[in-house]
Amino acid sequence: HGHWCYARLAKMVIYFFYKNVCYVNLLFWYQFFCGF
């Protein structure tokens, strides 16, 4: 259970970084569209 928990947490940290980078990237390019 320690190994499984460690592996799951590592994958979930990467997933949350990916999710937030995608969302912030979308907002960043939208600011160019609406003129900041």
Full PDB file with SEQRES, HELIX, SHEET, SSBOND, CRYST1, ORIGX, SCALE, CONECT and MASTER records, all heavy atoms in Angstrom:
SEQRES   1 A   36  HIS GLY HIS TRP CYS TYR ALA ARG LEU ALA LYS MET VAL          
SEQRES   2 A   36  ILE TYR PHE PHE TYR LYS ASN VAL CYS TYR VAL ASN LEU          
SEQRES   3 A   36  LEU PHE TRP TYR GLN PHE PHE CYS GLY PHE                      
HELIX    1 AA1 GLY A    2  PHE A   33  1                                  32    
CRYST1    1.000    1.000    1.000  90.00  90.00  90.00 P 1           1          
ORIGX1      1.000000  0.000000  0.000000        0.00000                         
ORIGX2      0.000000  1.000000  0.000000        0.00000                         
ORIGX3      0.000000  0.000000  1.000000        0.00000                         
SCALE1      1.000000  0.000000  0.000000        0.00000                         
SCALE2      0.000000  1.000000  0.000000        0.00000                         
SCALE3      0.000000  0.000000  1.000000        0.00000                         
ATOM      1  N   HIS A   1       0.821  -1.208   0.000  1.00  0.00           N  
ATOM      2  CA  HIS A   1       0.000   0.000   0.000  1.00  0.00           C  
ATOM      3  C   HIS A   1       0.859   1.264   0.000  1.00  0.00           C  
ATOM      4  O   HIS A   1       0.465   2.279  -0.574  1.00  0.00           O  
ATOM      5  CB  HIS A   1      -0.965  -0.022   1.182  1.00  0.00           C  
ATOM      6  CG  HIS A   1      -1.949  -1.149   1.106  1.00  0.00           C  
ATOM      7  ND1 HIS A   1      -2.988  -1.155   0.204  1.00  0.00           N  
ATOM      8  CD2 HIS A   1      -2.033  -2.311   1.788  1.00  0.00           C  
ATOM      9  CE1 HIS A   1      -3.677  -2.265   0.347  1.00  0.00           C  
ATOM     10  NE2 HIS A   1      -3.122  -2.989   1.305  1.00  0.00           N  
ATOM     11  N   GLY A   2       2.018   1.220   0.619  1.00  0.00           N  
ATOM     12  CA  GLY A   2       2.926   2.358   0.585  1.00  0.00           C  
ATOM     13  C   GLY A   2       3.426   2.636  -0.824  1.00  0.00           C  
ATOM     14  O   GLY A   2       3.474   3.788  -1.267  1.00  0.00           O  
ATOM     15  N   HIS A   3       3.799   1.579  -1.551  1.00  0.00           N  
ATOM     16  CA  HIS A   3       4.255   1.739  -2.941  1.00  0.00           C  
ATOM     17  C   HIS A   3       3.128   2.279  -3.823  1.00  0.00           C  
ATOM     18  O   HIS A   3       3.341   3.194  -4.611  1.00  0.00           O  
ATOM     19  CB  HIS A   3       4.755   0.402  -3.485  1.00  0.00           C  
ATOM     20  CG  HIS A   3       5.131   0.449  -4.922  1.00  0.00           C  
ATOM     21  ND1 HIS A   3       6.370   0.853  -5.344  1.00  0.00           N  
ATOM     22  CD2 HIS A   3       4.421   0.183  -6.052  1.00  0.00           C  
ATOM     23  CE1 HIS A   3       6.421   0.814  -6.669  1.00  0.00           C  
ATOM     24  NE2 HIS A   3       5.239   0.409  -7.112  1.00  0.00           N  
ATOM     25  N   TRP A   4       1.936   1.695  -3.690  1.00  0.00           N  
ATOM     26  CA  TRP A   4       0.810   2.148  -4.509  1.00  0.00           C  
ATOM     27  C   TRP A   4       0.475   3.610  -4.215  1.00  0.00           C  
ATOM     28  O   TRP A   4       0.228   4.391  -5.129  1.00  0.00           O  
ATOM     29  CB  TRP A   4      -0.402   1.284  -4.270  1.00  0.00           C  
ATOM     30  CG  TRP A   4      -0.326  -0.073  -4.894  1.00  0.00           C  
ATOM     31  CD1 TRP A   4       0.531  -0.493  -5.869  1.00  0.00           C  
ATOM     32  CD2 TRP A   4      -1.140  -1.196  -4.580  1.00  0.00           C  
ATOM     33  NE1 TRP A   4       0.303  -1.803  -6.182  1.00  0.00           N  
ATOM     34  CE2 TRP A   4      -0.726  -2.266  -5.406  1.00  0.00           C  
ATOM     35  CE3 TRP A   4      -2.179  -1.418  -3.694  1.00  0.00           C  
ATOM     36  CZ2 TRP A   4      -1.321  -3.510  -5.368  1.00  0.00           C  
ATOM     37  CZ3 TRP A   4      -2.769  -2.657  -3.652  1.00  0.00           C  
ATOM     38  CH2 TRP A   4      -2.338  -3.696  -4.475  1.00  0.00           C  
ATOM     39  N   CYS A   5       0.473   3.977  -2.963  1.00  0.00           N  
ATOM     40  CA  CYS A   5       0.154   5.352  -2.584  1.00  0.00           C  
ATOM     41  C   CYS A   5       1.195   6.313  -3.141  1.00  0.00           C  
ATOM     42  O   CYS A   5       0.857   7.378  -3.674  1.00  0.00           O  
ATOM     43  CB  CYS A   5       0.064   5.467  -1.063  1.00  0.00           C  
ATOM     44  SG  CYS A   5      -0.373   7.107  -0.488  1.00  0.00           S  
ATOM     45  N   TYR A   6       2.456   5.953  -3.035  1.00  0.00           N  
ATOM     46  CA  TYR A   6       3.535   6.796  -3.544  1.00  0.00           C  
ATOM     47  C   TYR A   6       3.408   6.984  -5.062  1.00  0.00           C  
ATOM     48  O   TYR A   6       3.513   8.101  -5.574  1.00  0.00           O  
ATOM     49  CB  TYR A   6       4.878   6.163  -3.196  1.00  0.00           C  
ATOM     50  CG  TYR A   6       6.062   7.036  -3.483  1.00  0.00           C  
ATOM     51  CD1 TYR A   6       6.461   8.005  -2.577  1.00  0.00           C  
ATOM     52  CD2 TYR A   6       6.780   6.909  -4.656  1.00  0.00           C  
ATOM     53  CE1 TYR A   6       7.543   8.811  -2.829  1.00  0.00           C  
ATOM     54  CE2 TYR A   6       7.859   7.715  -4.926  1.00  0.00           C  
ATOM     55  CZ  TYR A   6       8.244   8.666  -4.006  1.00  0.00           C  
ATOM     56  OH  TYR A   6       9.315   9.472  -4.271  1.00  0.00           O  
ATOM     57  N   ALA A   7       3.149   5.901  -5.778  1.00  0.00           N  
ATOM     58  CA  ALA A   7       3.020   5.979  -7.242  1.00  0.00           C  
ATOM     59  C   ALA A   7       1.800   6.806  -7.635  1.00  0.00           C  
ATOM     60  O   ALA A   7       1.867   7.626  -8.563  1.00  0.00           O  
ATOM     61  CB  ALA A   7       2.932   4.568  -7.821  1.00  0.00           C  
ATOM     62  N   ARG A   8       0.689   6.620  -6.930  1.00  0.00           N  
ATOM     63  CA  ARG A   8      -0.523   7.383  -7.248  1.00  0.00           C  
ATOM     64  C   ARG A   8      -0.330   8.868  -6.989  1.00  0.00           C  
ATOM     65  O   ARG A   8      -0.745   9.708  -7.797  1.00  0.00           O  
ATOM     66  CB  ARG A   8      -1.691   6.869  -6.411  1.00  0.00           C  
ATOM     67  CG  ARG A   8      -2.192   5.516  -6.825  1.00  0.00           C  
ATOM     68  CD  ARG A   8      -3.236   5.011  -5.870  1.00  0.00           C  
ATOM     69  NE  ARG A   8      -3.610   3.651  -6.172  1.00  0.00           N  
ATOM     70  CZ  ARG A   8      -4.071   2.796  -5.289  1.00  0.00           C  
ATOM     71  NH1 ARG A   8      -4.232   3.164  -4.040  1.00  0.00           N  
ATOM     72  NH2 ARG A   8      -4.394   1.572  -5.648  1.00  0.00           N  
ATOM     73  N   LEU A   9       0.288   9.198  -5.870  1.00  0.00           N  
ATOM     74  CA  LEU A   9       0.515  10.609  -5.567  1.00  0.00           C  
ATOM     75  C   LEU A   9       1.436  11.263  -6.584  1.00  0.00           C  
ATOM     76  O   LEU A   9       1.212  12.409  -6.992  1.00  0.00           O  
ATOM     77  CB  LEU A   9       1.082  10.766  -4.165  1.00  0.00           C  
ATOM     78  CG  LEU A   9       0.092  10.550  -3.022  1.00  0.00           C  
ATOM     79  CD1 LEU A   9       0.816  10.602  -1.689  1.00  0.00           C  
ATOM     80  CD2 LEU A   9      -0.999  11.579  -3.058  1.00  0.00           C  
ATOM     81  N   ALA A  10       2.467  10.558  -7.011  1.00  0.00           N  
ATOM     82  CA  ALA A  10       3.386  11.114  -8.007  1.00  0.00           C  
ATOM     83  C   ALA A  10       2.665  11.371  -9.322  1.00  0.00           C  
ATOM     84  O   ALA A  10       2.846  12.425  -9.940  1.00  0.00           O  
ATOM     85  CB  ALA A  10       4.559  10.160  -8.215  1.00  0.00           C  
ATOM     86  N   LYS A  11       1.827  10.438  -9.751  1.00  0.00           N  
ATOM     87  CA  LYS A  11       1.083  10.635 -10.991  1.00  0.00           C  
ATOM     88  C   LYS A  11       0.062  11.757 -10.865  1.00  0.00           C  
ATOM     89  O   LYS A  11      -0.158  12.515 -11.808  1.00  0.00           O  
ATOM     90  CB  LYS A  11       0.388   9.333 -11.398  1.00  0.00           C  
ATOM     91  CG  LYS A  11       1.339   8.283 -11.901  1.00  0.00           C  
ATOM     92  CD  LYS A  11       0.612   7.013 -12.239  1.00  0.00           C  
ATOM     93  CE  LYS A  11       1.596   5.932 -12.648  1.00  0.00           C  
ATOM     94  NZ  LYS A  11       0.944   4.656 -12.876  1.00  0.00           N  
ATOM     95  N   MET A  12      -0.555  11.873  -9.707  1.00  0.00           N  
ATOM     96  CA  MET A  12      -1.568  12.913  -9.538  1.00  0.00           C  
ATOM     97  C   MET A  12      -0.947  14.302  -9.483  1.00  0.00           C  
ATOM     98  O   MET A  12      -1.547  15.263  -9.960  1.00  0.00           O  
ATOM     99  CB  MET A  12      -2.403  12.653  -8.283  1.00  0.00           C  
ATOM    100  CG  MET A  12      -3.310  11.454  -8.385  1.00  0.00           C  
ATOM    101  SD  MET A  12      -4.220  11.269  -9.933  1.00  0.00           S  
ATOM    102  CE  MET A  12      -5.067  12.789 -10.094  1.00  0.00           C  
ATOM    103  N   VAL A  13       0.237  14.441  -8.947  1.00  0.00           N  
ATOM    104  CA  VAL A  13       0.910  15.738  -8.954  1.00  0.00           C  
ATOM    105  C   VAL A  13       1.188  16.158 -10.391  1.00  0.00           C  
ATOM    106  O   VAL A  13       0.938  17.313 -10.778  1.00  0.00           O  
ATOM    107  CB  VAL A  13       2.207  15.683  -8.116  1.00  0.00           C  
ATOM    108  CG1 VAL A  13       3.085  16.882  -8.384  1.00  0.00           C  
ATOM    109  CG2 VAL A  13       1.883  15.597  -6.645  1.00  0.00           C  
ATOM    110  N   ILE A  14       1.659  15.241 -11.203  1.00  0.00           N  
ATOM    111  CA  ILE A  14       1.907  15.542 -12.616  1.00  0.00           C  
ATOM    112  C   ILE A  14       0.596  15.897 -13.314  1.00  0.00           C  
ATOM    113  O   ILE A  14       0.532  16.833 -14.116  1.00  0.00           O  
ATOM    114  CB  ILE A  14       2.606  14.348 -13.298  1.00  0.00           C  
ATOM    115  CG1 ILE A  14       4.015  14.186 -12.729  1.00  0.00           C  
ATOM    116  CG2 ILE A  14       2.656  14.530 -14.807  1.00  0.00           C  
ATOM    117  CD1 ILE A  14       4.692  12.915 -13.141  1.00  0.00           C  
ATOM    118  N   TYR A  15      -0.470  15.170 -13.004  1.00  0.00           N  
ATOM    119  CA  TYR A  15      -1.770  15.446 -13.614  1.00  0.00           C  
ATOM    120  C   TYR A  15      -2.262  16.846 -13.254  1.00  0.00           C  
ATOM    121  O   TYR A  15      -2.744  17.588 -14.121  1.00  0.00           O  
ATOM    122  CB  TYR A  15      -2.791  14.397 -13.176  1.00  0.00           C  
ATOM    123  CG  TYR A  15      -4.208  14.766 -13.552  1.00  0.00           C  
ATOM    124  CD1 TYR A  15      -4.632  14.668 -14.872  1.00  0.00           C  
ATOM    125  CD2 TYR A  15      -5.101  15.226 -12.608  1.00  0.00           C  
ATOM    126  CE1 TYR A  15      -5.919  15.016 -15.228  1.00  0.00           C  
ATOM    127  CE2 TYR A  15      -6.385  15.584 -12.955  1.00  0.00           C  
ATOM    128  CZ  TYR A  15      -6.788  15.472 -14.264  1.00  0.00           C  
ATOM    129  OH  TYR A  15      -8.058  15.826 -14.615  1.00  0.00           O  
ATOM    130  N   PHE A  16      -2.137  17.241 -11.986  1.00  0.00           N  
ATOM    131  CA  PHE A  16      -2.628  18.558 -11.587  1.00  0.00           C  
ATOM    132  C   PHE A  16      -1.788  19.677 -12.195  1.00  0.00           C  
ATOM    133  O   PHE A  16      -2.322  20.729 -12.552  1.00  0.00           O  
ATOM    134  CB  PHE A  16      -2.687  18.677 -10.071  1.00  0.00           C  
ATOM    135  CG  PHE A  16      -3.856  17.948  -9.478  1.00  0.00           C  
ATOM    136  CD1 PHE A  16      -3.658  16.899  -8.593  1.00  0.00           C  
ATOM    137  CD2 PHE A  16      -5.141  18.289  -9.822  1.00  0.00           C  
ATOM    138  CE1 PHE A  16      -4.729  16.223  -8.064  1.00  0.00           C  
ATOM    139  CE2 PHE A  16      -6.224  17.613  -9.303  1.00  0.00           C  
ATOM    140  CZ  PHE A  16      -6.019  16.576  -8.418  1.00  0.00           C  
ATOM    141  N   PHE A  17      -0.492  19.468 -12.343  1.00  0.00           N  
ATOM    142  CA  PHE A  17       0.319  20.455 -13.051  1.00  0.00           C  
ATOM    143  C   PHE A  17      -0.146  20.579 -14.506  1.00  0.00           C  
ATOM    144  O   PHE A  17      -0.301  21.681 -15.032  1.00  0.00           O  
ATOM    145  CB  PHE A  17       1.809  20.094 -13.007  1.00  0.00           C  
ATOM    146  CG  PHE A  17       2.504  20.564 -11.779  1.00  0.00           C  
ATOM    147  CD1 PHE A  17       3.129  19.664 -10.940  1.00  0.00           C  
ATOM    148  CD2 PHE A  17       2.545  21.909 -11.460  1.00  0.00           C  
ATOM    149  CE1 PHE A  17       3.775  20.099  -9.801  1.00  0.00           C  
ATOM    150  CE2 PHE A  17       3.191  22.355 -10.326  1.00  0.00           C  
ATOM    151  CZ  PHE A  17       3.808  21.448  -9.494  1.00  0.00           C  
ATOM    152  N   TYR A  18      -0.374  19.453 -15.157  1.00  0.00           N  
ATOM    153  CA  TYR A  18      -0.827  19.458 -16.544  1.00  0.00           C  
ATOM    154  C   TYR A  18      -2.163  20.177 -16.677  1.00  0.00           C  
ATOM    155  O   TYR A  18      -2.346  21.019 -17.560  1.00  0.00           O  
ATOM    156  CB  TYR A  18      -0.927  18.017 -17.052  1.00  0.00           C  
ATOM    157  CG  TYR A  18      -1.588  17.880 -18.398  1.00  0.00           C  
ATOM    158  CD1 TYR A  18      -0.912  18.252 -19.559  1.00  0.00           C  
ATOM    159  CD2 TYR A  18      -2.879  17.400 -18.510  1.00  0.00           C  
ATOM    160  CE1 TYR A  18      -1.516  18.134 -20.800  1.00  0.00           C  
ATOM    161  CE2 TYR A  18      -3.494  17.281 -19.744  1.00  0.00           C  
ATOM    162  CZ  TYR A  18      -2.820  17.656 -20.875  1.00  0.00           C  
ATOM    163  OH  TYR A  18      -3.409  17.539 -22.094  1.00  0.00           O  
ATOM    164  N   LYS A  19      -3.107  19.869 -15.806  1.00  0.00           N  
ATOM    165  CA  LYS A  19      -4.437  20.474 -15.845  1.00  0.00           C  
ATOM    166  C   LYS A  19      -4.341  21.985 -15.671  1.00  0.00           C  
ATOM    167  O   LYS A  19      -4.956  22.754 -16.428  1.00  0.00           O  
ATOM    168  CB  LYS A  19      -5.312  19.879 -14.749  1.00  0.00           C  
ATOM    169  CG  LYS A  19      -6.677  20.512 -14.643  1.00  0.00           C  
ATOM    170  CD  LYS A  19      -7.427  20.010 -13.441  1.00  0.00           C  
ATOM    171  CE  LYS A  19      -6.920  20.685 -12.222  1.00  0.00           C  
ATOM    172  NZ  LYS A  19      -7.857  21.390 -11.418  1.00  0.00           N  
ATOM    173  N   ASN A  20      -3.566  22.429 -14.712  1.00  0.00           N  
ATOM    174  CA  ASN A  20      -3.464  23.861 -14.447  1.00  0.00           C  
ATOM    175  C   ASN A  20      -2.682  24.589 -15.536  1.00  0.00           C  
ATOM    176  O   ASN A  20      -3.011  25.729 -15.873  1.00  0.00           O  
ATOM    177  CB  ASN A  20      -2.853  24.104 -13.077  1.00  0.00           C  
ATOM    178  CG  ASN A  20      -3.811  23.730 -11.976  1.00  0.00           C  
ATOM    179  OD1 ASN A  20      -5.015  23.921 -12.104  1.00  0.00           O  
ATOM    180  ND2 ASN A  20      -3.304  23.184 -10.894  1.00  0.00           N  
ATOM    181  N   VAL A  21      -1.664  23.958 -16.090  1.00  0.00           N  
ATOM    182  CA  VAL A  21      -0.924  24.590 -17.191  1.00  0.00           C  
ATOM    183  C   VAL A  21      -1.834  24.756 -18.404  1.00  0.00           C  
ATOM    184  O   VAL A  21      -1.818  25.803 -19.059  1.00  0.00           O  
ATOM    185  CB  VAL A  21       0.342  23.772 -17.540  1.00  0.00           C  
ATOM    186  CG1 VAL A  21       0.904  24.155 -18.884  1.00  0.00           C  
ATOM    187  CG2 VAL A  21       1.384  23.958 -16.467  1.00  0.00           C  
ATOM    188  N   CYS A  22      -2.631  23.747 -18.698  1.00  0.00           N  
ATOM    189  CA  CYS A  22      -3.568  23.863 -19.827  1.00  0.00           C  
ATOM    190  C   CYS A  22      -4.571  24.983 -19.600  1.00  0.00           C  
ATOM    191  O   CYS A  22      -4.850  25.781 -20.494  1.00  0.00           O  
ATOM    192  CB  CYS A  22      -4.309  22.544 -20.041  1.00  0.00           C  
ATOM    193  SG  CYS A  22      -3.290  21.238 -20.687  1.00  0.00           S  
ATOM    194  N   TYR A  23      -5.100  25.068 -18.415  1.00  0.00           N  
ATOM    195  CA  TYR A  23      -6.107  26.084 -18.113  1.00  0.00           C  
ATOM    196  C   TYR A  23      -5.503  27.487 -18.141  1.00  0.00           C  
ATOM    197  O   TYR A  23      -6.074  28.412 -18.724  1.00  0.00           O  
ATOM    198  CB  TYR A  23      -6.736  25.786 -16.753  1.00  0.00           C  
ATOM    199  CG  TYR A  23      -7.906  26.671 -16.439  1.00  0.00           C  
ATOM    200  CD1 TYR A  23      -9.093  26.550 -17.143  1.00  0.00           C  
ATOM    201  CD2 TYR A  23      -7.821  27.644 -15.457  1.00  0.00           C  
ATOM    202  CE1 TYR A  23     -10.170  27.360 -16.880  1.00  0.00           C  
ATOM    203  CE2 TYR A  23      -8.896  28.459 -15.176  1.00  0.00           C  
ATOM    204  CZ  TYR A  23     -10.059  28.318 -15.894  1.00  0.00           C  
ATOM    205  OH  TYR A  23     -11.121  29.127 -15.633  1.00  0.00           O  
ATOM    206  N   VAL A  24      -4.337  27.670 -17.548  1.00  0.00           N  
ATOM    207  CA  VAL A  24      -3.691  28.980 -17.535  1.00  0.00           C  
ATOM    208  C   VAL A  24      -3.242  29.366 -18.937  1.00  0.00           C  
ATOM    209  O   VAL A  24      -3.322  30.536 -19.325  1.00  0.00           O  
ATOM    210  CB  VAL A  24      -2.516  28.989 -16.536  1.00  0.00           C  
ATOM    211  CG1 VAL A  24      -1.668  30.235 -16.689  1.00  0.00           C  
ATOM    212  CG2 VAL A  24      -3.042  28.891 -15.119  1.00  0.00           C  
ATOM    213  N   ASN A  25      -2.777  28.418 -19.719  1.00  0.00           N  
ATOM    214  CA  ASN A  25      -2.384  28.687 -21.100  1.00  0.00           C  
ATOM    215  C   ASN A  25      -3.579  29.192 -21.907  1.00  0.00           C  
ATOM    216  O   ASN A  25      -3.453  30.124 -22.705  1.00  0.00           O  
ATOM    217  CB  ASN A  25      -1.799  27.420 -21.724  1.00  0.00           C  
ATOM    218  CG  ASN A  25      -1.029  27.705 -22.973  1.00  0.00           C  
ATOM    219  OD1 ASN A  25      -0.670  28.842 -23.261  1.00  0.00           O  
ATOM    220  ND2 ASN A  25      -0.780  26.658 -23.738  1.00  0.00           N  
ATOM    221  N   LEU A  26      -4.729  28.598 -21.688  1.00  0.00           N  
ATOM    222  CA  LEU A  26      -5.951  29.038 -22.353  1.00  0.00           C  
ATOM    223  C   LEU A  26      -6.290  30.469 -21.963  1.00  0.00           C  
ATOM    224  O   LEU A  26      -6.614  31.303 -22.818  1.00  0.00           O  
ATOM    225  CB  LEU A  26      -7.090  28.086 -21.993  1.00  0.00           C  
ATOM    226  CG  LEU A  26      -8.413  28.259 -22.714  1.00  0.00           C  
ATOM    227  CD1 LEU A  26      -8.237  27.990 -24.191  1.00  0.00           C  
ATOM    228  CD2 LEU A  26      -9.438  27.323 -22.114  1.00  0.00           C  
ATOM    229  N   LEU A  27      -6.199  30.788 -20.687  1.00  0.00           N  
ATOM    230  CA  LEU A  27      -6.471  32.154 -20.226  1.00  0.00           C  
ATOM    231  C   LEU A  27      -5.440  33.147 -20.767  1.00  0.00           C  
ATOM    232  O   LEU A  27      -5.779  34.290 -21.093  1.00  0.00           O  
ATOM    233  CB  LEU A  27      -6.483  32.200 -18.702  1.00  0.00           C  
ATOM    234  CG  LEU A  27      -7.634  31.490 -18.011  1.00  0.00           C  
ATOM    235  CD1 LEU A  27      -7.442  31.539 -16.505  1.00  0.00           C  
ATOM    236  CD2 LEU A  27      -8.950  32.102 -18.395  1.00  0.00           C  
ATOM    237  N   PHE A  28      -4.205  32.742 -20.858  1.00  0.00           N  
ATOM    238  CA  PHE A  28      -3.150  33.613 -21.363  1.00  0.00           C  
ATOM    239  C   PHE A  28      -3.430  34.029 -22.808  1.00  0.00           C  
ATOM    240  O   PHE A  28      -3.361  35.213 -23.155  1.00  0.00           O  
ATOM    241  CB  PHE A  28      -1.802  32.887 -21.264  1.00  0.00           C  
ATOM    242  CG  PHE A  28      -0.659  33.642 -21.874  1.00  0.00           C  
ATOM    243  CD1 PHE A  28      -0.114  34.748 -21.228  1.00  0.00           C  
ATOM    244  CD2 PHE A  28      -0.123  33.252 -23.091  1.00  0.00           C  
ATOM    245  CE1 PHE A  28       0.943  35.441 -21.788  1.00  0.00           C  
ATOM    246  CE2 PHE A  28       0.930  33.939 -23.655  1.00  0.00           C  
ATOM    247  CZ  PHE A  28       1.466  35.038 -23.002  1.00  0.00           C  
ATOM    248  N   TRP A  29      -3.751  33.067 -23.659  1.00  0.00           N  
ATOM    249  CA  TRP A  29      -4.005  33.397 -25.063  1.00  0.00           C  
ATOM    250  C   TRP A  29      -5.313  34.156 -25.232  1.00  0.00           C  
ATOM    251  O   TRP A  29      -5.460  34.950 -26.167  1.00  0.00           O  
ATOM    252  CB  TRP A  29      -3.985  32.131 -25.922  1.00  0.00           C  
ATOM    253  CG  TRP A  29      -2.603  31.583 -26.031  1.00  0.00           C  
ATOM    254  CD1 TRP A  29      -2.141  30.430 -25.478  1.00  0.00           C  
ATOM    255  CD2 TRP A  29      -1.497  32.188 -26.685  1.00  0.00           C  
ATOM    256  NE1 TRP A  29      -0.810  30.277 -25.746  1.00  0.00           N  
ATOM    257  CE2 TRP A  29      -0.382  31.352 -26.500  1.00  0.00           C  
ATOM    258  CE3 TRP A  29      -1.320  33.360 -27.409  1.00  0.00           C  
ATOM    259  CZ2 TRP A  29       0.871  31.629 -27.014  1.00  0.00           C  
ATOM    260  CZ3 TRP A  29      -0.061  33.640 -27.926  1.00  0.00           C  
ATOM    261  CH2 TRP A  29       1.012  32.787 -27.722  1.00  0.00           C  
ATOM    262  N   TYR A  30      -6.256  33.952 -24.343  1.00  0.00           N  
ATOM    263  CA  TYR A  30      -7.499  34.722 -24.399  1.00  0.00           C  
ATOM    264  C   TYR A  30      -7.236  36.202 -24.117  1.00  0.00           C  
ATOM    265  O   TYR A  30      -7.923  37.066 -24.677  1.00  0.00           O  
ATOM    266  CB  TYR A  30      -8.517  34.165 -23.392  1.00  0.00           C  
ATOM    267  CG  TYR A  30      -9.801  34.951 -23.376  1.00  0.00           C  
ATOM    268  CD1 TYR A  30     -10.704  34.846 -24.425  1.00  0.00           C  
ATOM    269  CD2 TYR A  30     -10.105  35.789 -22.319  1.00  0.00           C  
ATOM    270  CE1 TYR A  30     -11.883  35.561 -24.425  1.00  0.00           C  
ATOM    271  CE2 TYR A  30     -11.277  36.512 -22.309  1.00  0.00           C  
ATOM    272  CZ  TYR A  30     -12.154  36.402 -23.361  1.00  0.00           C  
ATOM    273  OH  TYR A  30     -13.310  37.122 -23.362  1.00  0.00           O  
ATOM    274  N   GLN A  31      -6.264  36.503 -23.284  1.00  0.00           N  
ATOM    275  CA  GLN A  31      -5.958  37.903 -22.985  1.00  0.00           C  
ATOM    276  C   GLN A  31      -5.448  38.635 -24.219  1.00  0.00           C  
ATOM    277  O   GLN A  31      -5.678  39.837 -24.371  1.00  0.00           O  
ATOM    278  CB  GLN A  31      -4.952  38.003 -21.838  1.00  0.00           C  
ATOM    279  CG  GLN A  31      -5.525  37.612 -20.493  1.00  0.00           C  
ATOM    280  CD  GLN A  31      -6.770  38.413 -20.142  1.00  0.00           C  
ATOM    281  OE1 GLN A  31      -6.806  39.624 -20.282  1.00  0.00           O  
ATOM    282  NE2 GLN A  31      -7.798  37.690 -19.717  1.00  0.00           N  
ATOM    283  N   PHE A  32      -4.758  37.959 -25.116  1.00  0.00           N  
ATOM    284  CA  PHE A  32      -4.367  38.580 -26.389  1.00  0.00           C  
ATOM    285  C   PHE A  32      -5.605  38.897 -27.232  1.00  0.00           C  
ATOM    286  O   PHE A  32      -5.681  39.925 -27.893  1.00  0.00           O  
ATOM    287  CB  PHE A  32      -3.435  37.669 -27.186  1.00  0.00           C  
ATOM    288  CG  PHE A  32      -2.030  37.665 -26.677  1.00  0.00           C  
ATOM    289  CD1 PHE A  32      -1.525  36.547 -26.028  1.00  0.00           C  
ATOM    290  CD2 PHE A  32      -1.213  38.768 -26.830  1.00  0.00           C  
ATOM    291  CE1 PHE A  32      -0.226  36.532 -25.567  1.00  0.00           C  
ATOM    292  CE2 PHE A  32       0.082  38.770 -26.377  1.00  0.00           C  
ATOM    293  CZ  PHE A  32       0.585  37.649 -25.729  1.00  0.00           C  
ATOM    294  N   PHE A  33      -6.579  37.992 -27.191  1.00  0.00           N  
ATOM    295  CA  PHE A  33      -7.803  38.175 -27.972  1.00  0.00           C  
ATOM    296  C   PHE A  33      -8.615  39.364 -27.473  1.00  0.00           C  
ATOM    297  O   PHE A  33      -9.169  40.119 -28.263  1.00  0.00           O  
ATOM    298  CB  PHE A  33      -8.637  36.887 -27.912  1.00  0.00           C  
ATOM    299  CG  PHE A  33      -9.955  36.991 -28.587  1.00  0.00           C  
ATOM    300  CD1 PHE A  33     -10.035  37.000 -29.979  1.00  0.00           C  
ATOM    301  CD2 PHE A  33     -11.132  37.080 -27.857  1.00  0.00           C  
ATOM    302  CE1 PHE A  33     -11.252  37.103 -30.603  1.00  0.00           C  
ATOM    303  CE2 PHE A  33     -12.345  37.182 -28.478  1.00  0.00           C  
ATOM    304  CZ  PHE A  33     -12.414  37.192 -29.863  1.00  0.00           C  
ATOM    305  N   CYS A  34      -8.700  39.539 -26.158  1.00  0.00           N  
ATOM    306  CA  CYS A  34      -9.526  40.623 -25.610  1.00  0.00           C  
ATOM    307  C   CYS A  34      -8.718  41.883 -25.306  1.00  0.00           C  
ATOM    308  O   CYS A  34      -9.230  42.814 -24.689  1.00  0.00           O  
ATOM    309  CB  CYS A  34     -10.270  40.159 -24.368  1.00  0.00           C  
ATOM    310  SG  CYS A  34      -9.227  39.876 -22.949  1.00  0.00           S  
ATOM    311  N   GLY A  35      -7.473  41.937 -25.735  1.00  0.00           N  
ATOM    312  CA  GLY A  35      -6.671  43.147 -25.575  1.00  0.00           C  
ATOM    313  C   GLY A  35      -6.233  43.425 -24.150  1.00  0.00           C  
ATOM    314  O   GLY A  35      -6.109  44.585 -23.762  1.00  0.00           O  
ATOM    315  N   PHE A  36      -6.007  42.394 -23.365  1.00  0.00           N  
ATOM    316  CA  PHE A  36      -5.546  42.512 -21.978  1.00  0.00           C  
ATOM    317  C   PHE A  36      -6.466  43.400 -21.136  1.00  0.00           C  
ATOM    318  O   PHE A  36      -6.016  44.180 -20.315  1.00  0.00           O  
ATOM    319  CB  PHE A  36      -4.100  43.023 -21.905  1.00  0.00           C  
ATOM    320  CG  PHE A  36      -3.115  42.083 -22.496  1.00  0.00           C  
ATOM    321  CD1 PHE A  36      -2.694  42.223 -23.814  1.00  0.00           C  
ATOM    322  CD2 PHE A  36      -2.634  41.020 -21.749  1.00  0.00           C  
ATOM    323  CE1 PHE A  36      -1.801  41.328 -24.370  1.00  0.00           C  
ATOM    324  CE2 PHE A  36      -1.731  40.133 -22.296  1.00  0.00           C  
ATOM    325  CZ  PHE A  36      -1.312  40.288 -23.608  1.00  0.00           C  
TER     326      PHE A  36                                                      
MASTER        0    0    0    1    0    0    0    6  325    1    0    3          
END                                                                             
